[in-house]
Amino acid sequence: MTNQPKKIKVDGEKSRKPSLKLKGKRFSSPSGGGKSKDKSYNSVIKKHSKSRSQFEHPSLSSSSEVEESNDLIYGRHSVLSSLENQRSLNRIWITSRLRYDHRFHDLLLQAKGNGAVIDEVEPRRLDQITRNANHQGVAAQIAPYEYVDLPDLIEQAKSVTDSPVIVVADGITDPHNLGAIIRTAESIGAQGLAIPQRRAVGITSTVMKVATGALDNFPVARVVNLSRALEDLKAAGFWIYGTASSGSEPMHTVDFNGPPIALVIGAEGEGLSMLTQKCCDVLVSIPLQGKTPSLNASVAAGMALYEIYRQRWKNTLYSKKLQKTSSKNPM
């Protein structure tokens, strides 16, 4: 019978554990026993990890929060327009070269006085924030867009002109299309926009980027029920014109002079819903001669708006011409 070596137990060996050193203090790592020691060990770890996250510099943290948010605008024109119109900005990232540019310097100081955080960063940091977009050396985190109520939009539109034009977007889901519609509508002279709350894109940073500053002078109302909103517009004296490819009148044959107008633009591919079509007073279409069956929503909106204002401009010019003629030939 062979003699097997016996393990000699040493007092205190059961509680021997690997050690962890934090700031010059040594703590025993947890094991199966000793609940009180495990508790103290975990509390120390949590304390130090919490303090690290509290003092971590924002510029060193991950940019995922910025990238995943929809409140980021970039590009010189978009940011400059927001600064000039004193839009609420939470944070601005800008290169040192652009920060002291005469177009930005005073506006940045004003934004800083209003509570915005100004970060002077390298172009590489802006590449990370904007995911390598064409940021042109500046980006900004904007506060959420403030919509107006539809009654306020109607009142504001009528205060500008006796025959206002309000665009209504029925289920536009592409932010680029919505941004292009806003840019065209504001530049051509429309007084505002109404969009549905559900199944449609809202005013995001992409919409603002495509609109290139038009939203700073163009109110948008977001409504819960689009059909009810169209009825409210009718009650306020607006005529509802909906764009449709079939069962409609050619746009150039319709008289757009006179009362206020609400122009309804349908969604990409689907067009106006049947419920929305029933709410319209007149359905109009843009005659197409090619083989392509339909137009992009923003293109259709631009062409329809141009026809409305072309007729009104023509009528205005004709009225002025008559006034000049009558003044030259008094009775």
Protein backbone atom coordinates (compact mmCIF):
# COMPACT_ATOMS: atom_id res chain seq x y z
CA MET A 1 0.00 0.00 0.00
CA THR A 2 1.47 3.18 -1.19
CA ASN A 3 1.50 6.26 0.95
CA GLN A 4 -0.33 9.14 -0.69
CA PRO A 5 0.73 12.66 0.22
CA LYS A 6 -1.74 14.45 2.41
CA LYS A 7 -2.69 18.04 1.91
CA ILE A 8 -1.82 20.10 4.93
CA LYS A 9 -4.47 22.70 5.75
CA VAL A 10 -3.25 26.02 6.91
CA ASP A 11 -5.33 28.16 9.22
CA GLY A 12 -7.10 30.91 7.32
CA GLU A 13 -6.54 29.30 3.93
CA LYS A 14 -10.27 28.99 3.34
CA SER A 15 -10.71 32.73 3.37
CA ARG A 16 -7.69 33.46 1.20
CA LYS A 17 -8.77 35.26 -2.00
CA PRO A 18 -7.19 37.17 -4.89
CA SER A 19 -6.84 40.83 -4.12
CA LEU A 20 -7.82 43.97 -5.97
CA LYS A 21 -5.98 47.23 -5.47
CA LEU A 22 -7.81 50.56 -5.88
CA LYS A 23 -6.10 53.84 -5.11
CA GLY A 24 -3.53 52.28 -2.79
CA LYS A 25 -6.08 50.15 -0.89
CA ARG A 26 -6.24 46.39 -1.18
CA PHE A 27 -9.61 44.62 -1.16
CA SER A 28 -10.33 40.93 -1.28
CA SER A 29 -12.33 39.69 -4.24
CA PRO A 30 -15.61 37.89 -3.48
CA SER A 31 -15.91 34.13 -3.22
CA GLY A 32 -18.53 31.64 -2.15
CA GLY A 33 -18.43 32.67 1.50
CA GLY A 34 -18.37 35.86 3.47
CA LYS A 35 -21.48 37.85 2.49
CA SER A 36 -20.48 40.91 4.44
CA LYS A 37 -17.12 41.10 2.64
CA ASP A 38 -18.78 40.61 -0.75
CA LYS A 39 -21.15 43.44 0.01
CA SER A 40 -18.38 45.84 0.90
CA TYR A 41 -16.40 44.82 -2.20
CA ASN A 42 -19.35 45.48 -4.55
CA SER A 43 -20.08 48.84 -2.94
CA VAL A 44 -16.49 49.97 -3.54
CA ILE A 45 -16.62 48.89 -7.20
CA LYS A 46 -19.92 50.70 -7.76
CA LYS A 47 -18.62 53.81 -6.06
CA HIS A 48 -15.53 54.06 -8.23
CA SER A 49 -17.33 53.20 -11.48
CA LYS A 50 -19.98 55.81 -10.72
CA SER A 51 -17.44 58.50 -10.01
CA ARG A 52 -15.66 57.72 -13.27
CA SER A 53 -18.82 58.17 -15.32
CA GLN A 54 -19.61 61.42 -13.57
CA PHE A 55 -16.30 63.04 -14.43
CA GLU A 56 -15.83 61.60 -17.93
CA HIS A 57 -15.28 64.41 -20.41
CA PRO A 58 -18.09 64.77 -22.98
CA SER A 59 -15.68 64.99 -25.89
CA LEU A 60 -14.17 61.63 -24.92
CA SER A 61 -17.48 59.82 -24.61
CA SER A 62 -19.06 57.85 -27.43
CA SER A 63 -20.88 59.83 -30.07
CA SER A 64 -23.63 57.23 -30.36
CA GLU A 65 -26.07 59.38 -28.39
CA VAL A 66 -25.60 62.24 -30.83
CA GLU A 67 -25.65 60.01 -33.88
CA GLU A 68 -28.80 58.15 -32.84
CA SER A 69 -30.73 61.32 -32.05
CA ASN A 70 -32.76 63.09 -34.68
CA ASP A 71 -31.99 66.60 -33.43
CA LEU A 72 -28.66 67.14 -35.17
CA ILE A 73 -28.17 69.67 -37.96
CA TYR A 74 -24.95 70.35 -39.81
CA GLY A 75 -23.60 72.46 -42.63
CA ARG A 76 -22.78 76.15 -42.62
CA HIS A 77 -26.03 77.39 -44.10
CA SER A 78 -28.32 75.33 -41.83
CA VAL A 79 -26.49 76.19 -38.61
CA LEU A 80 -25.99 79.83 -39.58
CA SER A 81 -29.69 80.21 -40.34
CA SER A 82 -30.59 78.74 -36.93
CA LEU A 83 -28.16 81.11 -35.22
CA GLU A 84 -29.45 84.16 -37.08
CA ASN A 85 -33.06 83.34 -36.22
CA GLN A 86 -32.09 82.66 -32.58
CA ARG A 87 -33.34 79.10 -32.70
CA SER A 88 -32.85 77.22 -29.44
CA LEU A 89 -29.59 75.25 -29.69
CA ASN A 90 -28.32 72.95 -26.96
CA ARG A 91 -24.80 72.41 -28.26
CA ILE A 92 -22.59 73.48 -31.16
CA TRP A 93 -19.51 71.67 -32.48
CA ILE A 94 -17.32 73.88 -34.67
CA THR A 95 -13.76 73.91 -35.95
CA SER A 96 -11.35 76.57 -34.70
CA ARG A 97 -11.01 77.97 -38.21
CA LEU A 98 -14.75 78.53 -38.56
CA ARG A 99 -15.39 79.63 -34.98
CA TYR A 100 -13.63 82.96 -35.50
CA ASP A 101 -15.13 83.52 -38.94
CA HIS A 102 -16.88 86.90 -39.05
CA ARG A 103 -20.16 85.23 -39.98
CA PHE A 104 -20.17 82.97 -36.92
CA HIS A 105 -18.18 84.68 -34.17
CA ASP A 106 -20.75 87.16 -32.81
CA LEU A 107 -23.64 84.73 -33.29
CA LEU A 108 -21.79 82.05 -31.34
CA LEU A 109 -21.22 84.46 -28.46
CA GLN A 110 -24.92 85.25 -28.48
CA ALA A 111 -25.85 81.56 -28.53
CA LYS A 112 -23.46 80.91 -25.65
CA GLY A 113 -25.14 83.67 -23.69
CA ASN A 114 -28.47 81.92 -24.29
CA GLY A 115 -27.15 78.69 -22.77
CA ALA A 116 -25.67 76.80 -25.73
CA VAL A 117 -22.47 74.82 -25.16
CA ILE A 118 -19.78 75.67 -27.72
CA ASP A 119 -17.26 72.90 -28.41
CA GLU A 120 -14.20 73.69 -30.52
CA VAL A 121 -13.30 70.38 -32.15
CA GLU A 122 -11.20 68.87 -34.90
CA PRO A 123 -12.79 67.96 -38.25
CA ARG A 124 -12.30 64.29 -37.39
CA ARG A 125 -14.60 64.67 -34.38
CA LEU A 126 -17.28 66.21 -36.60
CA ASP A 127 -16.88 63.27 -38.97
CA GLN A 128 -17.74 60.97 -36.06
CA ILE A 129 -20.72 63.03 -34.93
CA THR A 130 -22.26 63.38 -38.39
CA ARG A 131 -21.21 59.93 -39.64
CA ASN A 132 -18.93 61.39 -42.29
CA ALA A 133 -21.59 63.70 -43.70
CA ASN A 134 -20.72 66.97 -45.42
CA HIS A 135 -20.70 69.01 -42.20
CA GLN A 136 -18.54 71.86 -43.57
CA GLY A 137 -16.91 72.34 -40.18
CA VAL A 138 -19.96 72.86 -37.99
CA ALA A 139 -22.83 70.91 -36.42
CA ALA A 140 -25.44 71.71 -33.79
CA GLN A 141 -27.86 69.90 -31.53
CA ILE A 142 -31.19 71.66 -31.67
CA ALA A 143 -34.07 71.68 -29.24
CA PRO A 144 -37.21 69.77 -30.35
CA TYR A 145 -39.26 71.59 -32.99
CA GLU A 146 -42.21 73.56 -31.63
CA TYR A 147 -45.35 72.98 -33.68
CA VAL A 148 -48.19 75.50 -33.79
CA ASP A 149 -51.87 74.72 -33.35
CA LEU A 150 -53.96 74.66 -36.51
CA PRO A 151 -56.24 77.57 -35.41
CA ASP A 152 -53.13 79.66 -34.74
CA LEU A 153 -51.72 78.72 -38.15
CA ILE A 154 -54.96 79.78 -39.85
CA GLU A 155 -55.09 83.06 -37.96
CA GLN A 156 -51.44 83.80 -38.71
CA ALA A 157 -51.90 83.01 -42.42
CA LYS A 158 -54.91 85.31 -42.72
CA SER A 159 -53.03 88.11 -41.01
CA VAL A 160 -50.46 88.04 -43.82
CA THR A 161 -52.83 88.05 -46.81
CA ASP A 162 -56.53 87.85 -47.62
CA SER A 163 -55.95 84.78 -49.82
CA PRO A 164 -53.39 82.60 -48.00
CA VAL A 165 -52.16 79.22 -49.17
CA ILE A 166 -51.57 76.40 -46.68
CA VAL A 167 -50.01 73.13 -47.79
CA VAL A 168 -51.31 69.90 -46.28
CA ALA A 169 -49.12 66.78 -46.49
CA ASP A 170 -51.08 63.54 -46.40
CA GLY A 171 -48.81 60.79 -45.06
CA ILE A 172 -45.42 61.95 -46.37
CA THR A 173 -42.93 59.52 -44.84
CA ASP A 174 -39.70 60.58 -46.56
CA PRO A 175 -37.98 63.41 -44.65
CA HIS A 176 -36.20 64.56 -47.81
CA ASN A 177 -39.54 64.99 -49.59
CA LEU A 178 -41.04 66.88 -46.66
CA GLY A 179 -38.00 69.14 -46.38
CA ALA A 180 -38.11 69.91 -50.10
CA ILE A 181 -41.85 70.70 -49.90
CA ILE A 182 -41.23 73.11 -47.02
CA ARG A 183 -38.37 74.82 -48.84
CA THR A 184 -40.41 75.28 -52.03
CA ALA A 185 -43.58 76.35 -50.23
CA GLU A 186 -41.84 78.99 -48.13
CA SER A 187 -39.81 80.38 -51.02
CA ILE A 188 -42.79 80.66 -53.35
CA GLY A 189 -44.95 82.42 -50.76
CA ALA A 190 -47.17 79.87 -48.95
CA GLN A 191 -48.10 80.68 -45.36
CA GLY A 192 -47.69 77.33 -43.61
CA LEU A 193 -47.96 73.55 -43.53
CA ALA A 194 -50.16 70.98 -41.80
CA ILE A 195 -49.04 67.39 -41.30
CA PRO A 196 -50.67 64.38 -39.59
CA GLN A 197 -49.33 63.08 -36.31
CA ARG A 198 -49.46 59.40 -37.32
CA ARG A 199 -48.03 57.49 -40.26
CA ALA A 200 -46.02 60.49 -41.41
CA VAL A 201 -42.62 61.99 -40.77
CA GLY A 202 -42.37 64.94 -38.40
CA ILE A 203 -39.91 67.81 -38.36
CA THR A 204 -36.60 66.01 -37.89
CA SER A 205 -33.04 67.19 -38.35
CA THR A 206 -33.04 65.73 -41.88
CA VAL A 207 -36.14 67.75 -42.74
CA MET A 208 -34.47 70.88 -41.37
CA LYS A 209 -31.29 70.17 -43.31
CA VAL A 210 -33.16 69.77 -46.61
CA ALA A 211 -35.33 72.83 -45.90
CA THR A 212 -32.11 74.90 -45.52
CA GLY A 213 -33.47 77.44 -43.08
CA ALA A 214 -37.02 77.75 -44.44
CA LEU A 215 -38.51 76.45 -41.17
CA ASP A 216 -37.27 79.51 -39.33
CA ASN A 217 -39.94 81.52 -41.19
CA PHE A 218 -42.51 78.84 -41.95
CA PRO A 219 -44.94 77.54 -39.28
CA VAL A 220 -45.98 73.89 -39.18
CA ALA A 221 -49.04 72.44 -37.46
CA ARG A 222 -49.23 68.77 -36.50
CA VAL A 223 -52.79 67.47 -36.30
CA VAL A 224 -54.20 64.29 -34.78
CA ASN A 225 -56.98 63.83 -37.34
CA LEU A 226 -56.25 65.05 -40.88
CA SER A 227 -59.87 64.80 -42.06
CA ARG A 228 -61.05 66.92 -39.16
CA ALA A 229 -58.30 69.43 -39.88
CA LEU A 230 -59.50 69.76 -43.48
CA GLU A 231 -63.03 70.39 -42.22
CA ASP A 232 -61.67 73.08 -39.91
CA LEU A 233 -59.92 74.69 -42.88
CA LYS A 234 -63.21 74.62 -44.82
CA ALA A 235 -64.99 76.27 -41.91
CA ALA A 236 -62.32 78.99 -41.96
CA GLY A 237 -63.10 79.74 -45.62
CA PHE A 238 -60.41 77.65 -47.35
CA TRP A 239 -61.04 75.74 -50.55
CA ILE A 240 -59.45 72.28 -50.43
CA TYR A 241 -57.59 71.21 -53.57
CA GLY A 242 -56.17 67.69 -53.62
CA THR A 243 -53.62 66.38 -56.10
CA ALA A 244 -54.63 63.11 -57.75
CA SER A 245 -53.65 61.33 -60.95
CA SER A 246 -57.12 60.08 -61.89
CA GLY A 247 -60.64 61.46 -61.70
CA SER A 248 -59.35 65.00 -61.51
CA GLU A 249 -59.24 68.23 -63.49
CA PRO A 250 -56.03 69.37 -65.24
CA MET A 251 -54.41 71.97 -63.03
CA HIS A 252 -54.06 74.66 -65.69
CA THR A 253 -57.83 74.62 -66.28
CA VAL A 254 -58.69 75.37 -62.63
CA ASP A 255 -59.10 78.96 -61.43
CA PHE A 256 -57.06 79.46 -58.24
CA ASN A 257 -57.83 83.16 -57.85
CA GLY A 258 -59.99 84.33 -55.00
CA PRO A 259 -60.50 82.44 -51.73
CA PRO A 260 -57.86 80.97 -49.43
CA ILE A 261 -56.45 77.63 -50.58
CA ALA A 262 -55.38 74.45 -48.84
CA LEU A 263 -53.31 72.33 -51.22
CA VAL A 264 -53.20 68.65 -50.21
CA ILE A 265 -50.23 66.60 -51.40
CA GLY A 266 -50.45 62.80 -51.27
CA ALA A 267 -47.92 60.29 -50.02
CA GLU A 268 -45.19 58.79 -52.18
CA GLY A 269 -46.58 56.01 -54.35
CA GLU A 270 -49.98 55.80 -52.63
CA GLY A 271 -51.23 59.32 -53.29
CA LEU A 272 -54.18 60.73 -51.37
CA SER A 273 -56.18 58.34 -49.23
CA MET A 274 -59.84 57.84 -50.16
CA LEU A 275 -60.94 59.56 -46.95
CA THR A 276 -58.80 62.60 -47.76
CA GLN A 277 -60.12 62.72 -51.34
CA LYS A 278 -63.68 62.86 -50.02
CA CYS A 279 -62.75 65.89 -47.92
CA CYS A 280 -61.43 67.81 -50.93
CA ASP A 281 -63.56 70.31 -52.85
CA VAL A 282 -61.66 69.77 -56.11
CA LEU A 283 -59.16 67.13 -57.26
CA VAL A 284 -56.51 68.44 -59.64
CA SER A 285 -53.77 66.76 -61.65
CA ILE A 286 -50.60 67.69 -63.49
CA PRO A 287 -50.79 66.52 -67.13
CA LEU A 288 -47.91 64.17 -67.98
CA GLN A 289 -46.84 63.43 -71.55
CA GLY A 290 -44.10 60.87 -70.89
CA LYS A 291 -44.25 57.23 -69.88
CA THR A 292 -43.53 57.84 -66.20
CA PRO A 293 -46.93 57.52 -64.48
CA SER A 294 -46.36 59.83 -61.50
CA LEU A 295 -44.18 62.53 -59.96
CA ASN A 296 -42.21 62.75 -56.77
CA ALA A 297 -44.33 64.30 -54.00
CA SER A 298 -42.07 67.31 -53.57
CA VAL A 299 -41.90 67.91 -57.34
CA ALA A 300 -45.70 67.71 -57.62
CA ALA A 301 -46.06 70.15 -54.74
CA GLY A 302 -43.66 72.59 -56.38
CA MET A 303 -45.45 72.48 -59.73
CA ALA A 304 -48.88 72.87 -58.14
CA LEU A 305 -47.76 75.79 -55.99
CA TYR A 306 -46.20 77.49 -58.99
CA GLU A 307 -49.44 77.21 -60.98
CA ILE A 308 -51.44 78.70 -58.09
CA TYR A 309 -49.12 81.67 -57.74
CA ARG A 310 -48.62 82.06 -61.49
CA GLN A 311 -52.34 82.68 -61.87
CA ARG A 312 -52.39 85.07 -58.94
CA TRP A 313 -49.33 86.95 -60.16
CA LYS A 314 -50.88 87.25 -63.61
CA ASN A 315 -54.12 88.57 -62.14
CA THR A 316 -52.22 91.05 -59.95
CA LEU A 317 -50.15 92.34 -62.86
CA TYR A 318 -53.28 92.72 -64.99
CA SER A 319 -55.01 94.69 -62.22
CA LYS A 320 -52.02 97.00 -61.86
CA LYS A 321 -51.94 97.52 -65.61
CA LEU A 322 -55.62 98.50 -65.62
CA GLN A 323 -55.00 100.95 -62.78
CA LYS A 324 -52.17 102.64 -64.69
CA THR A 325 -54.28 102.84 -67.84
CA SER A 326 -57.22 104.39 -66.00
CA SER A 327 -54.96 106.94 -64.29
CA LYS A 328 -53.51 108.05 -67.64
CA ASN A 329 -56.95 108.38 -69.22
CA PRO A 330 -59.21 109.98 -66.59
CA MET A 331 -62.84 110.63 -67.48
